[in-house]
C-alpha atoms as a PDB file:
ATOM      1  CA  UNK A   1     -21.804  73.940  16.371  1.00  0.00           C
ATOM      2  CA  UNK A   2     -21.655  74.426  12.640  1.00  0.00           C
ATOM      3  CA  UNK A   3     -18.089  75.139  11.445  1.00  0.00           C
ATOM      4  CA  UNK A   4     -16.698  75.651   8.010  1.00  0.00           C
ATOM      5  CA  UNK A   5     -13.145  74.649   8.949  1.00  0.00           C
ATOM      6  CA  UNK A   6     -14.006  71.326  10.828  1.00  0.00           C
ATOM      7  CA  UNK A   7     -16.442  68.809   9.809  1.00  0.00           C
ATOM      8  CA  UNK A   8     -16.669  66.228  12.487  1.00  0.00           C
ATOM      9  CA  UNK A   9     -19.535  64.283  11.030  1.00  0.00           C
ATOM     10  CA  UNK A  10     -17.632  64.039   7.583  1.00  0.00           C
ATOM     11  CA  UNK A  11     -14.443  62.918   9.273  1.00  0.00           C
ATOM     12  CA  UNK A  12     -16.256  60.250  11.136  1.00  0.00           C
ATOM     13  CA  UNK A  13     -18.153  59.090   8.143  1.00  0.00           C
ATOM     14  CA  UNK A  14     -14.754  58.970   6.184  1.00  0.00           C
ATOM     15  CA  UNK A  15     -13.250  56.894   8.877  1.00  0.00           C
ATOM     16  CA  UNK A  16     -16.056  54.423   9.014  1.00  0.00           C
ATOM     17  CA  UNK A  17     -16.101  54.103   5.189  1.00  0.00           C
ATOM     18  CA  UNK A  18     -12.342  53.581   5.107  1.00  0.00           C
ATOM     19  CA  UNK A  19     -12.651  50.712   7.652  1.00  0.00           C
ATOM     20  CA  UNK A  20     -15.592  49.045   5.664  1.00  0.00           C
ATOM     21  CA  UNK A  21     -13.479  49.216   2.473  1.00  0.00           C
ATOM     22  CA  UNK A  22     -10.489  47.622   4.185  1.00  0.00           C
ATOM     23  CA  UNK A  23     -12.866  44.829   5.338  1.00  0.00           C
ATOM     24  CA  UNK A  24     -14.504  44.486   2.124  1.00  0.00           C
ATOM     25  CA  UNK A  25     -10.962  44.257   0.332  1.00  0.00           C
ATOM     26  CA  UNK A  26     -10.084  41.379   2.863  1.00  0.00           C
ATOM     27  CA  UNK A  27     -13.078  39.524   2.009  1.00  0.00           C
ATOM     28  CA  UNK A  28     -12.786  39.935  -1.553  1.00  0.00           C
ATOM     29  CA  UNK A  29      -9.308  38.662  -1.397  1.00  0.00           C
ATOM     30  CA  UNK A  30     -10.490  35.505   0.706  1.00  0.00           C
ATOM     31  CA  UNK A  31     -13.117  34.915  -1.988  1.00  0.00           C
ATOM     32  CA  UNK A  32     -10.816  35.069  -4.918  1.00  0.00           C
ATOM     33  CA  UNK A  33      -8.010  33.067  -3.219  1.00  0.00           C
ATOM     34  CA  UNK A  34     -10.183  30.782  -1.106  1.00  0.00           C
ATOM     35  CA  UNK A  35      -7.910  31.232   1.839  1.00  0.00           C
ATOM     36  CA  UNK A  36      -8.262  33.264   5.061  1.00  0.00           C
ATOM     37  CA  UNK A  37      -4.511  33.091   5.737  1.00  0.00           C
ATOM     38  CA  UNK A  38      -2.835  33.590   2.588  1.00  0.00           C
ATOM     39  CA  UNK A  39       0.328  35.359   4.080  1.00  0.00           C
ATOM     40  CA  UNK A  40       2.122  35.686   7.168  1.00  0.00           C
ATOM     41  CA  UNK A  41       0.533  38.920   7.948  1.00  0.00           C
ATOM     42  CA  UNK A  42      -3.142  37.465   7.998  1.00  0.00           C
ATOM     43  CA  UNK A  43      -2.176  35.246  10.693  1.00  0.00           C
ATOM     44  CA  UNK A  44       1.571  34.422  11.271  1.00  0.00           C
ATOM     45  CA  UNK A  45       1.384  31.377  13.627  1.00  0.00           C
ATOM     46  CA  UNK A  46      -1.243  29.599  11.248  1.00  0.00           C
ATOM     47  CA  UNK A  47       0.795  30.794   8.032  1.00  0.00           C
ATOM     48  CA  UNK A  48       3.961  29.124   9.713  1.00  0.00           C
ATOM     49  CA  UNK A  49       2.389  25.883  10.542  1.00  0.00           C
ATOM     50  CA  UNK A  50       0.660  25.497   7.249  1.00  0.00           C
ATOM     51  CA  UNK A  51       3.783  26.363   5.312  1.00  0.00           C
ATOM     52  CA  UNK A  52       5.902  23.775   7.289  1.00  0.00           C
ATOM     53  CA  UNK A  53       3.331  21.180   6.809  1.00  0.00           C
ATOM     54  CA  UNK A  54       3.143  21.972   3.203  1.00  0.00           C
ATOM     55  CA  UNK A  55       6.797  21.242   3.049  1.00  0.00           C
ATOM     56  CA  UNK A  56       6.511  18.055   4.805  1.00  0.00           C
ATOM     57  CA  UNK A  57       3.816  16.786   2.399  1.00  0.00           C
ATOM     58  CA  UNK A  58       6.310  17.568  -0.473  1.00  0.00           C
ATOM     59  CA  UNK A  59       8.823  15.315   1.135  1.00  0.00           C
ATOM     60  CA  UNK A  60       6.026  12.706   1.687  1.00  0.00           C
ATOM     61  CA  UNK A  61       5.411  12.996  -2.197  1.00  0.00           C
ATOM     62  CA  UNK A  62       8.993  12.308  -2.784  1.00  0.00           C
ATOM     63  CA  UNK A  63       8.602   9.252  -0.458  1.00  0.00           C
ATOM     64  CA  UNK A  64       5.708   8.073  -2.229  1.00  0.00           C
ATOM     65  CA  UNK A  65       7.494   8.206  -5.646  1.00  0.00           C
ATOM     66  CA  UNK A  66      10.387   6.168  -4.211  1.00  0.00           C
ATOM     67  CA  UNK A  67       8.016   3.532  -2.951  1.00  0.00           C
ATOM     68  CA  UNK A  68       6.365   3.518  -6.222  1.00  0.00           C
ATOM     69  CA  UNK A  69       9.765   2.810  -7.933  1.00  0.00           C
ATOM     70  CA  UNK A  70      10.762   0.248  -5.300  1.00  0.00           C
ATOM     71  CA  UNK A  71       7.426  -1.472  -5.855  1.00  0.00           C
ATOM     72  CA  UNK A  72       8.117  -2.060  -9.535  1.00  0.00           C
ATOM     73  CA  UNK A  73      11.721  -3.457  -8.677  1.00  0.00           C
ATOM     74  CA  UNK A  74      10.372  -5.686  -5.987  1.00  0.00           C
ATOM     75  CA  UNK A  75       7.497  -6.799  -8.105  1.00  0.00           C
ATOM     76  CA  UNK A  76       9.779  -7.639 -11.152  1.00  0.00           C
ATOM     77  CA  UNK A  77      12.129  -9.692  -8.839  1.00  0.00           C
ATOM     78  CA  UNK A  78       9.159 -11.547  -7.293  1.00  0.00           C
ATOM     79  CA  UNK A  79       7.628 -12.345 -10.528  1.00  0.00           C
ATOM     80  CA  UNK A  80      10.969 -13.633 -11.862  1.00  0.00           C
ATOM     81  CA  UNK A  81      11.634 -15.755  -8.639  1.00  0.00           C
ATOM     82  CA  UNK A  82       8.136 -17.333  -8.871  1.00  0.00           C
ATOM     83  CA  UNK A  83       9.013 -18.260 -12.571  1.00  0.00           C
ATOM     84  CA  UNK A  84      12.522 -19.671 -11.499  1.00  0.00           C
ATOM     85  CA  UNK A  85      10.586 -21.962  -9.133  1.00  0.00           C
ATOM     86  CA  UNK A  86       8.562 -23.385 -12.101  1.00  0.00           C
ATOM     87  CA  UNK A  87      11.557 -23.928 -14.358  1.00  0.00           C
ATOM     88  CA  UNK A  88      13.444 -25.543 -11.640  1.00  0.00           C
ATOM     89  CA  UNK A  89      10.652 -27.803 -11.011  1.00  0.00           C
ATOM     90  CA  UNK A  90      10.835 -28.886 -14.638  1.00  0.00           C
ATOM     91  CA  UNK A  91      14.565 -29.511 -14.465  1.00  0.00           C
ATOM     92  CA  UNK A  92      13.942 -31.747 -11.468  1.00  0.00           C
ATOM     93  CA  UNK A  93      11.467 -33.589 -13.464  1.00  0.00           C
ATOM     94  CA  UNK A  94      13.767 -34.173 -16.392  1.00  0.00           C
ATOM     95  CA  UNK A  95      16.651 -35.208 -14.130  1.00  0.00           C
ATOM     96  CA  UNK A  96      14.392 -37.853 -12.570  1.00  0.00           C
ATOM     97  CA  UNK A  97      13.482 -38.913 -15.976  1.00  0.00           C
ATOM     98  CA  UNK A  98      16.993 -39.182 -17.006  1.00  0.00           C
ATOM     99  CA  UNK A  99      17.667 -41.423 -14.025  1.00  0.00           C
ATOM    100  CA  UNK A 100      15.030 -43.842 -15.263  1.00  0.00           C
ATOM    101  CA  UNK A 101      15.951 -43.702 -18.749  1.00  0.00           C
ATOM    102  CA  UNK A 102      18.645 -45.403 -20.617  1.00  0.00           C
ATOM    103  CA  UNK A 103      21.914 -43.495 -21.365  1.00  0.00           C
ATOM    104  CA  UNK A 104      20.890 -43.387 -25.199  1.00  0.00           C
ATOM    105  CA  UNK A 105      17.808 -41.226 -24.220  1.00  0.00           C
ATOM    106  CA  UNK A 106      19.812 -38.843 -21.829  1.00  0.00           C
ATOM    107  CA  UNK A 107      21.210 -36.614 -24.661  1.00  0.00           C
ATOM    108  CA  UNK A 108      17.616 -35.702 -25.794  1.00  0.00           C
ATOM    109  CA  UNK A 109      16.655 -35.055 -21.956  1.00  0.00           C
ATOM    110  CA  UNK A 110      19.882 -33.125 -21.676  1.00  0.00           C
ATOM    111  CA  UNK A 111      18.720 -30.921 -24.543  1.00  0.00           C
ATOM    112  CA  UNK A 112      15.623 -29.998 -22.739  1.00  0.00           C
ATOM    113  CA  UNK A 113      17.405 -29.225 -19.587  1.00  0.00           C
ATOM    114  CA  UNK A 114      19.789 -27.057 -21.472  1.00  0.00           C
ATOM    115  CA  UNK A 115      16.844 -25.042 -22.729  1.00  0.00           C
ATOM    116  CA  UNK A 116      15.477 -24.786 -19.206  1.00  0.00           C
ATOM    117  CA  UNK A 117      18.849 -23.552 -17.969  1.00  0.00           C
ATOM    118  CA  UNK A 118      19.068 -20.980 -20.536  1.00  0.00           C
ATOM    119  CA  UNK A 119      15.626 -19.675 -19.400  1.00  0.00           C
ATOM    120  CA  UNK A 120      17.008 -19.517 -15.878  1.00  0.00           C
ATOM    121  CA  UNK A 121      19.889 -17.264 -17.057  1.00  0.00           C
ATOM    122  CA  UNK A 122      17.254 -14.989 -18.625  1.00  0.00           C
ATOM    123  CA  UNK A 123      15.075 -14.955 -15.528  1.00  0.00           C
ATOM    124  CA  UNK A 124      18.212 -13.963 -13.294  1.00  0.00           C
ATOM    125  CA  UNK A 125      18.873 -11.038 -15.674  1.00  0.00           C
ATOM    126  CA  UNK A 126      15.399  -9.433 -14.839  1.00  0.00           C
ATOM    127  CA  UNK A 127      15.782  -5.894 -13.878  1.00  0.00           C
ATOM    128  CA  UNK A 128      13.720  -2.803 -13.393  1.00  0.00           C
ATOM    129  CA  UNK A 129      14.856   0.746 -14.097  1.00  0.00           C
ATOM    130  CA  UNK A 130      18.541  -0.430 -14.204  1.00  0.00           C
ATOM    131  CA  UNK A 131      18.244  -2.396 -10.837  1.00  0.00           C
ATOM    132  CA  UNK A 132      18.733  -6.332 -10.850  1.00  0.00           C
ATOM    133  CA  UNK A 133      17.889  -7.827  -7.370  1.00  0.00           C
ATOM    134  CA  UNK A 134      18.602 -11.289  -8.487  1.00  0.00           C
ATOM    135  CA  UNK A 135      21.921 -11.074  -9.920  1.00  0.00           C
ATOM    136  CA  UNK A 136      24.240  -9.381  -7.397  1.00  0.00           C
ATOM    137  CA  UNK A 137      27.822  -9.445  -6.335  1.00  0.00           C
ATOM    138  CA  UNK A 138      28.473 -10.931  -2.960  1.00  0.00           C
ATOM    139  CA  UNK A 139      31.821  -9.261  -2.648  1.00  0.00           C
ATOM    140  CA  UNK A 140      30.309  -5.911  -2.918  1.00  0.00           C
ATOM    141  CA  UNK A 141      30.009  -3.537   0.061  1.00  0.00           C
ATOM    142  CA  UNK A 142      26.179  -3.075  -0.578  1.00  0.00           C
ATOM    143  CA  UNK A 143      24.591  -5.925   1.013  1.00  0.00           C
ATOM    144  CA  UNK A 144      20.912  -4.878   1.009  1.00  0.00           C
ATOM    145  CA  UNK A 145      18.370  -3.059  -1.242  1.00  0.00           C
ATOM    146  CA  UNK A 146      17.024  -0.155   0.536  1.00  0.00           C
ATOM    147  CA  UNK A 147      14.236   2.333  -0.136  1.00  0.00           C
ATOM    148  CA  UNK A 148      12.970   5.139   1.984  1.00  0.00           C
ATOM    149  CA  UNK A 149       9.791   4.652   3.326  1.00  0.00           C
ATOM    150  CA  UNK A 150       8.945   7.716   5.685  1.00  0.00           C
ATOM    151  CA  UNK A 151       9.755  11.093   6.376  1.00  0.00           C
ATOM    152  CA  UNK A 152       9.643  12.328  10.087  1.00  0.00           C
ATOM    153  CA  UNK A 153      10.233  15.487  11.711  1.00  0.00           C
ATOM    154  CA  UNK A 154      10.029  16.031  15.781  1.00  0.00           C
ATOM    155  CA  UNK A 155       9.010  19.184  17.448  1.00  0.00           C
ATOM    156  CA  UNK A 156      12.660  20.443  17.462  1.00  0.00           C
ATOM    157  CA  UNK A 157      13.014  20.180  13.811  1.00  0.00           C
ATOM    158  CA  UNK A 158      15.167  17.014  13.762  1.00  0.00           C
ATOM    159  CA  UNK A 159      14.623  14.976  10.767  1.00  0.00           C
ATOM    160  CA  UNK A 160      14.820  11.107  10.472  1.00  0.00           C
ATOM    161  CA  UNK A 161      13.835   8.856   7.548  1.00  0.00           C
ATOM    162  CA  UNK A 162      12.619   5.377   7.858  1.00  0.00           C
ATOM    163  CA  UNK A 163      13.546   2.509   5.154  1.00  0.00           C
ATOM    164  CA  UNK A 164      12.560  -0.819   3.992  1.00  0.00           C
ATOM    165  CA  UNK A 165      15.223  -3.205   3.316  1.00  0.00           C
ATOM    166  CA  UNK A 166      15.940  -6.656   1.489  1.00  0.00           C
ATOM    167  CA  UNK A 167      18.935  -8.675   2.280  1.00  0.00           C
ATOM    168  CA  UNK A 168      20.428  -9.418  -1.295  1.00  0.00           C
ATOM    169  CA  UNK A 169      21.902 -12.669  -0.116  1.00  0.00           C
ATOM    170  CA  UNK A 170      18.363 -13.939   0.517  1.00  0.00           C
ATOM    171  CA  UNK A 171      17.201 -13.338  -3.159  1.00  0.00           C
ATOM    172  CA  UNK A 172      20.389 -13.697  -5.069  1.00  0.00           C
ATOM    173  CA  UNK A 173      20.003 -16.263  -7.964  1.00  0.00           C
ATOM    174  CA  UNK A 174      23.408 -15.689  -9.515  1.00  0.00           C
ATOM    175  CA  UNK A 175      26.547 -14.317  -7.876  1.00  0.00           C
ATOM    176  CA  UNK A 176      28.035 -11.834 -10.240  1.00  0.00           C
ATOM    177  CA  UNK A 177      31.291 -11.740  -8.181  1.00  0.00           C
ATOM    178  CA  UNK A 178      32.192 -15.297  -9.125  1.00  0.00           C
ATOM    179  CA  UNK A 179      31.851 -16.677  -5.538  1.00  0.00           C
ATOM    180  CA  UNK A 180      28.982 -19.070  -6.507  1.00  0.00           C
ATOM    181  CA  UNK A 181      26.866 -18.013  -3.361  1.00  0.00           C
ATOM    182  CA  UNK A 182      23.555 -17.391  -5.617  1.00  0.00           C
ATOM    183  CA  UNK A 183      20.599 -19.962  -5.216  1.00  0.00           C
ATOM    184  CA  UNK A 184      21.204 -21.087  -8.599  1.00  0.00           C
ATOM    185  CA  UNK A 185      25.053 -21.222  -8.972  1.00  0.00           C
ATOM    186  CA  UNK A 186      25.777 -22.733  -5.552  1.00  0.00           C
ATOM    187  CA  UNK A 187      27.885 -25.887  -6.313  1.00  0.00           C
ATOM    188  CA  UNK A 188      27.131 -29.383  -5.131  1.00  0.00           C
ATOM    189  CA  UNK A 189      29.198 -32.466  -5.708  1.00  0.00           C
ATOM    190  CA  UNK A 190      27.846 -35.886  -6.513  1.00  0.00           C
ATOM    191  CA  UNK A 191      29.371 -38.946  -4.738  1.00  0.00           C
ATOM    192  CA  UNK A 192      28.555 -41.777  -6.802  1.00  0.00           C
ATOM    193  CA  UNK A 193      30.794 -43.553  -9.520  1.00  0.00           C
ATOM    194  CA  UNK A 194      30.442 -40.617 -11.846  1.00  0.00           C
ATOM    195  CA  UNK A 195      31.225 -38.056  -9.305  1.00  0.00           C
ATOM    196  CA  UNK A 196      30.795 -34.490 -10.546  1.00  0.00           C
ATOM    197  CA  UNK A 197      30.501 -31.136  -9.377  1.00  0.00           C
ATOM    198  CA  UNK A 198      27.447 -29.222 -10.695  1.00  0.00           C
ATOM    199  CA  UNK A 199      25.093 -26.153 -10.255  1.00  0.00           C
ATOM    200  CA  UNK A 200      21.424 -25.952 -11.025  1.00  0.00           C
ATOM    201  CA  UNK A 201      22.601 -23.962 -14.159  1.00  0.00           C
ATOM    202  CA  UNK A 202      25.111 -26.521 -15.446  1.00  0.00           C
ATOM    203  CA  UNK A 203      23.577 -29.925 -14.584  1.00  0.00           C
ATOM    204  CA  UNK A 204      24.510 -32.485 -17.366  1.00  0.00           C
ATOM    205  CA  UNK A 205      22.810 -35.858 -17.313  1.00  0.00           C
ATOM    206  CA  UNK A 206      25.103 -37.016 -20.028  1.00  0.00           C
ATOM    207  CA  UNK A 207      28.201 -37.025 -17.836  1.00  0.00           C
ATOM    208  CA  UNK A 208      29.809 -40.271 -18.035  1.00  0.00           C
ATOM    209  CA  UNK A 209      29.528 -42.847 -15.123  1.00  0.00           C
ATOM    210  CA  UNK A 210      26.550 -41.284 -13.446  1.00  0.00           C
ATOM    211  CA  UNK A 211      24.837 -43.902 -11.228  1.00  0.00           C
ATOM    212  CA  UNK A 212      21.726 -43.625  -8.840  1.00  0.00           C
ATOM    213  CA  UNK A 213      23.871 -42.175  -6.019  1.00  0.00           C
ATOM    214  CA  UNK A 214      24.885 -39.407  -8.401  1.00  0.00           C
ATOM    215  CA  UNK A 215      21.361 -38.806  -9.565  1.00  0.00           C
ATOM    216  CA  UNK A 216      20.025 -38.763  -6.018  1.00  0.00           C
ATOM    217  CA  UNK A 217      22.704 -36.227  -4.939  1.00  0.00           C
ATOM    218  CA  UNK A 218      21.767 -34.103  -8.085  1.00  0.00           C
ATOM    219  CA  UNK A 219      18.123 -34.256  -7.155  1.00  0.00           C
ATOM    220  CA  UNK A 220      19.182 -33.107  -3.461  1.00  0.00           C
ATOM    221  CA  UNK A 221      21.005 -30.273  -4.841  1.00  0.00           C
ATOM    222  CA  UNK A 222      18.057 -29.333  -6.831  1.00  0.00           C
ATOM    223  CA  UNK A 223      15.789 -29.612  -3.826  1.00  0.00           C
ATOM    224  CA  UNK A 224      18.015 -27.323  -1.899  1.00  0.00           C
ATOM    225  CA  UNK A 225      17.753 -24.752  -4.812  1.00  0.00           C
ATOM    226  CA  UNK A 226      13.999 -25.017  -4.668  1.00  0.00           C
ATOM    227  CA  UNK A 227      13.970 -24.373  -0.791  1.00  0.00           C
ATOM    228  CA  UNK A 228      16.277 -21.403  -1.299  1.00  0.00           C
ATOM    229  CA  UNK A 229      13.814 -20.085  -4.201  1.00  0.00           C
ATOM    230  CA  UNK A 230      10.908 -20.650  -1.888  1.00  0.00           C
ATOM    231  CA  UNK A 231      12.601 -18.499   0.761  1.00  0.00           C
ATOM    232  CA  UNK A 232      13.665 -15.916  -1.604  1.00  0.00           C
ATOM    233  CA  UNK A 233      10.085 -15.591  -2.891  1.00  0.00           C
ATOM    234  CA  UNK A 234       8.995 -15.332   0.556  1.00  0.00           C
ATOM    235  CA  UNK A 235      11.208 -12.422   1.481  1.00  0.00           C
ATOM    236  CA  UNK A 236      10.244 -10.561  -1.632  1.00  0.00           C
ATOM    237  CA  UNK A 237       6.557 -11.267  -1.198  1.00  0.00           C
ATOM    238  CA  UNK A 238       6.907  -9.862   2.385  1.00  0.00           C
ATOM    239  CA  UNK A 239       8.649  -6.643   0.917  1.00  0.00           C
ATOM    240  CA  UNK A 240       6.062  -6.394  -1.744  1.00  0.00           C
ATOM    241  CA  UNK A 241       3.272  -6.264   0.757  1.00  0.00           C
ATOM    242  CA  UNK A 242       5.167  -3.935   3.173  1.00  0.00           C
ATOM    243  CA  UNK A 243       5.745  -1.667   0.357  1.00  0.00           C
ATOM    244  CA  UNK A 244       2.063  -1.605  -0.723  1.00  0.00           C
ATOM    245  CA  UNK A 245       0.856  -1.039   2.906  1.00  0.00           C
ATOM    246  CA  UNK A 246       3.295   1.984   3.300  1.00  0.00           C
ATOM    247  CA  UNK A 247       2.350   3.251  -0.023  1.00  0.00           C
ATOM    248  CA  UNK A 248      -1.319   3.307   1.109  1.00  0.00           C
ATOM    249  CA  UNK A 249      -0.410   4.747   4.693  1.00  0.00           C
ATOM    250  CA  UNK A 250       1.795   7.624   2.789  1.00  0.00           C
ATOM    251  CA  UNK A 251      -1.252   8.548   0.802  1.00  0.00           C
ATOM    252  CA  UNK A 252      -3.626   8.595   3.570  1.00  0.00           C
ATOM    253  CA  UNK A 253      -1.223  10.661   5.656  1.00  0.00           C
ATOM    254  CA  UNK A 254      -0.721  13.277   2.779  1.00  0.00           C
ATOM    255  CA  UNK A 255      -4.678  13.540   2.685  1.00  0.00           C
ATOM    256  CA  UNK A 256      -4.814  14.012   6.392  1.00  0.00           C
ATOM    257  CA  UNK A 257      -2.063  16.662   6.251  1.00  0.00           C
ATOM    258  CA  UNK A 258      -3.852  18.491   3.461  1.00  0.00           C
ATOM    259  CA  UNK A 259      -7.077  18.335   5.451  1.00  0.00           C
ATOM    260  CA  UNK A 260      -5.300  19.891   8.476  1.00  0.00           C
ATOM    261  CA  UNK A 261      -3.811  22.663   6.656  1.00  0.00           C
ATOM    262  CA  UNK A 262      -7.261  23.458   5.145  1.00  0.00           C
ATOM    263  CA  UNK A 263      -8.752  23.834   8.623  1.00  0.00           C
ATOM    264  CA  UNK A 264      -6.042  26.323   9.250  1.00  0.00           C
ATOM    265  CA  UNK A 265      -5.993  28.446   6.393  1.00  0.00           C
ATOM    266  CA  UNK A 266      -8.869  27.689   3.991  1.00  0.00           C
ATOM    267  CA  UNK A 267     -11.914  30.355   3.981  1.00  0.00           C
ATOM    268  CA  UNK A 268     -15.431  29.272   4.725  1.00  0.00           C
ATOM    269  CA  UNK A 269     -16.985  30.409   1.343  1.00  0.00           C
ATOM    270  CA  UNK A 270     -20.463  30.536   2.993  1.00  0.00           C
ATOM    271  CA  UNK A 271     -19.293  32.710   5.542  1.00  0.00           C
ATOM    272  CA  UNK A 272     -17.347  34.983   3.257  1.00  0.00           C
ATOM    273  CA  UNK A 273     -20.129  35.279   0.838  1.00  0.00           C
ATOM    274  CA  UNK A 274     -22.449  36.393   3.688  1.00  0.00           C
ATOM    275  CA  UNK A 275     -19.798  38.780   4.975  1.00  0.00           C
ATOM    276  CA  UNK A 276     -19.302  40.193   1.334  1.00  0.00           C
ATOM    277  CA  UNK A 277     -23.180  40.913   1.151  1.00  0.00           C
ATOM    278  CA  UNK A 278     -23.204  42.694   4.458  1.00  0.00           C
ATOM    279  CA  UNK A 279     -20.204  44.672   3.653  1.00  0.00           C
ATOM    280  CA  UNK A 280     -21.345  46.026   0.348  1.00  0.00           C
ATOM    281  CA  UNK A 281     -24.463  47.215   2.101  1.00  0.00           C
ATOM    282  CA  UNK A 282     -22.402  48.740   4.836  1.00  0.00           C
ATOM    283  CA  UNK A 283     -20.532  50.521   2.047  1.00  0.00           C
ATOM    284  CA  UNK A 284     -23.495  51.926   0.332  1.00  0.00           C
ATOM    285  CA  UNK A 285     -24.660  53.466   3.698  1.00  0.00           C
ATOM    286  CA  UNK A 286     -21.161  54.684   4.547  1.00  0.00           C
ATOM    287  CA  UNK A 287     -21.093  56.590   1.145  1.00  0.00           C
ATOM    288  CA  UNK A 288     -24.609  57.891   1.879  1.00  0.00           C
ATOM    289  CA  UNK A 289     -23.620  58.930   5.482  1.00  0.00           C
ATOM    290  CA  UNK A 290     -20.526  60.740   4.146  1.00  0.00           C
ATOM    291  CA  UNK A 291     -22.627  62.475   1.285  1.00  0.00           C
ATOM    292  CA  UNK A 292     -24.986  63.807   4.105  1.00  0.00           C
ATOM    293  CA  UNK A 293     -22.061  64.794   6.360  1.00  0.00           C
ATOM    294  CA  UNK A 294     -20.629  66.959   3.466  1.00  0.00           C
ATOM    295  CA  UNK A 295     -24.008  68.729   2.665  1.00  0.00           C
ATOM    296  CA  UNK A 296     -23.695  70.342   6.205  1.00  0.00           C
ATOM    297  CA  UNK A 297     -21.535  72.935   4.701  1.00  0.00           C
ATOM    298  CA  UNK A 298     -23.851  73.627   1.935  1.00  0.00           C
ATOM    299  CA  UNK A 299     -26.712  74.108   4.719  1.00  0.00           C
ATOM    300  CA  UNK A 300     -24.587  76.963   6.353  1.00  0.00           C
ATOM    301  CA  UNK A 301     -24.841  79.106   3.251  1.00  0.00           C
ATOM    302  CA  UNK A 302     -28.756  79.239   3.686  1.00  0.00           C
ATOM    303  CA  UNK A 303     -28.025  81.182   7.033  1.00  0.00           C
ATOM    304  CA  UNK A 304     -26.681  84.079   4.950  1.00  0.00           C
ATOM    305  CA  UNK A 305     -29.412  84.346   2.543  1.00  0.00           C
END
């Protein structure tokens, strides 16, 4: 039946064209943004998961920055600790030389030792970004150097963070609290005729009355310091390696999360470009169909001619 009041064909064509235009707009949005899930209305579940994982990756980025800062601090301390070993070795050589030399030569040797001791003081002050791991206060409440190493969230939303820690007592060269618990400022007493109390930082081979026993005790004290330096360097070296490994892992983890989010929300551009071409063709056909349906009313006029 032909009717002037109701054009069913035009309504059908119009609905079809409207649906095609809606799909075309969706495809064009995906192509322009590169995402098939750009907002919650696209896919609420995927959007929620992707948003949460992106938030976690921002936290991982902060962790990575913290690890980078910690790496600089530990590397500075590690370099200084190794240099301290070299300088203390030289002091040991000078003390041994003083033992075998006459008293008239010891003043010259002491001048060299004094220069080396001044260098040790400079080494103990080595810091990075306001942090010095080598000169610390044994009376302070903080006994470890800690850096955040990971950010973890369980299925219930509970958050935990991991940390890497270095015991300050293990790497302390100088005790700024005055308790002389550092590797370099720990006191030892010689037991010979020229009994004296020294630290590596104030050994004085010109002290009156020093005999072989005193020199042997002094060398023993230096060896104790060298052992402490070796242990400290090992602790810092292990922490340095751990930080490097954790930094690499965090970087890999962030990449994996990005890939996972991409699988959920990124658009397949090959698929979308094919869909765009098909929808554009459908749009042209829909316009043509609507034009044909609208021409039916004109055809009715020919019946009255």
